[in-house]
Protein backbone atom coordinates (compact mmCIF):
# COMPACT_ATOMS: atom_id res chain seq x y z
CA MET A 1 0.01 -0.01 0.01
CA LYS A 2 0.99 3.60 -0.36
CA VAL A 3 0.91 5.95 2.64
CA ILE A 4 0.51 9.63 1.71
CA PHE A 5 1.47 12.30 4.23
CA LYS A 6 2.34 16.00 4.31
CA PRO A 7 5.22 16.83 6.68
CA GLY A 8 5.63 20.38 5.34
CA ASN A 9 4.57 22.12 2.15
CA ALA A 10 4.61 19.07 -0.13
CA TYR A 11 3.02 15.62 -0.03
CA GLU A 12 5.30 12.61 0.32
CA GLU A 13 4.58 8.91 0.01
CA ILE A 14 6.01 5.66 1.34
CA ASP A 15 5.29 2.21 -0.08
CA CYS A 16 4.77 -0.40 2.59
CA PHE A 17 3.41 -3.91 2.90
CA ASP A 18 1.48 -3.43 6.15
CA PHE A 19 1.01 -0.97 8.99
CA ARG A 20 0.01 -0.99 12.63
CA GLU A 21 -2.04 1.78 14.22
CA TYR A 22 -1.05 3.26 17.57
CA ASP A 23 -2.40 6.12 19.71
CA HIS A 24 -0.50 8.88 17.88
CA GLY A 25 0.24 7.46 14.42
CA ILE A 26 1.02 4.42 12.32
CA VAL A 27 4.16 2.30 12.03
CA LEU A 28 4.90 1.01 8.53
CA HIS A 29 6.24 -2.49 7.85
CA ASP A 30 7.90 -4.14 4.88
CA GLU A 31 7.16 -7.72 3.69
CA GLN A 32 9.52 -9.19 6.31
CA GLY A 33 7.70 -7.34 9.09
CA ASP A 34 10.53 -4.89 9.73
CA ASN A 35 9.64 -1.30 10.68
CA ILE A 36 10.31 1.07 7.77
CA GLY A 37 8.76 4.26 9.04
CA TYR A 38 6.38 6.09 11.34
CA VAL A 39 3.74 8.65 10.35
CA PRO A 40 1.95 10.69 13.03
CA PHE A 41 -1.80 11.18 12.50
CA GLU A 42 -1.29 14.98 12.36
CA ILE A 43 0.47 14.74 8.97
CA LEU A 44 -1.21 11.58 7.59
CA SER A 45 -3.30 12.34 4.50
CA HIS A 46 -4.53 8.90 3.36
CA ILE A 47 -3.59 5.31 2.51
CA GLU A 48 -4.02 3.87 -0.98
CA PRO A 49 -4.00 0.14 -1.81
CA HIS A 50 -1.80 -1.05 -4.67
CA GLU A 51 -3.34 -2.90 -7.63
CA GLY A 52 -4.59 -6.28 -6.46
CA GLU A 53 -4.85 -5.17 -2.82
CA GLN A 54 -8.28 -3.59 -3.14
CA VAL A 55 -11.15 -5.45 -1.52
CA PRO A 56 -14.58 -5.07 -3.14
CA PHE A 57 -17.37 -3.64 -0.99
CA GLU A 58 -20.48 -5.69 -0.31
CA GLY A 59 -23.07 -4.50 -2.82
CA GLY A 60 -20.32 -2.81 -4.88
CA GLN A 61 -20.50 0.58 -3.14
CA PRO A 62 -18.63 1.92 -0.09
CA PRO A 63 -20.74 2.55 3.02
CA GLU A 64 -22.16 5.99 3.65
CA PRO A 65 -19.98 8.04 6.03
CA ALA A 66 -21.37 8.48 9.52
CA TYR A 67 -22.00 12.08 10.55
CA ASP A 68 -21.76 13.32 14.09
CA ASP A 69 -24.38 15.89 15.10
CA GLU A 70 -22.01 17.59 17.56
């Protein structure tokens, strides 16, 4: 997968095999399970799957986002 983040004025990306979420960010892993990076939630933009990694949604459409009234 590709992790997109913005540490300053420009977006950067890191390719990784897997990640683990913690309280303040995500730790990126390669195929051997070694840590290859850390991205804090404050600068994380989004995560994109590579070709072949995408999982189809039930019914073919993503779920509607939940909105908080607060």
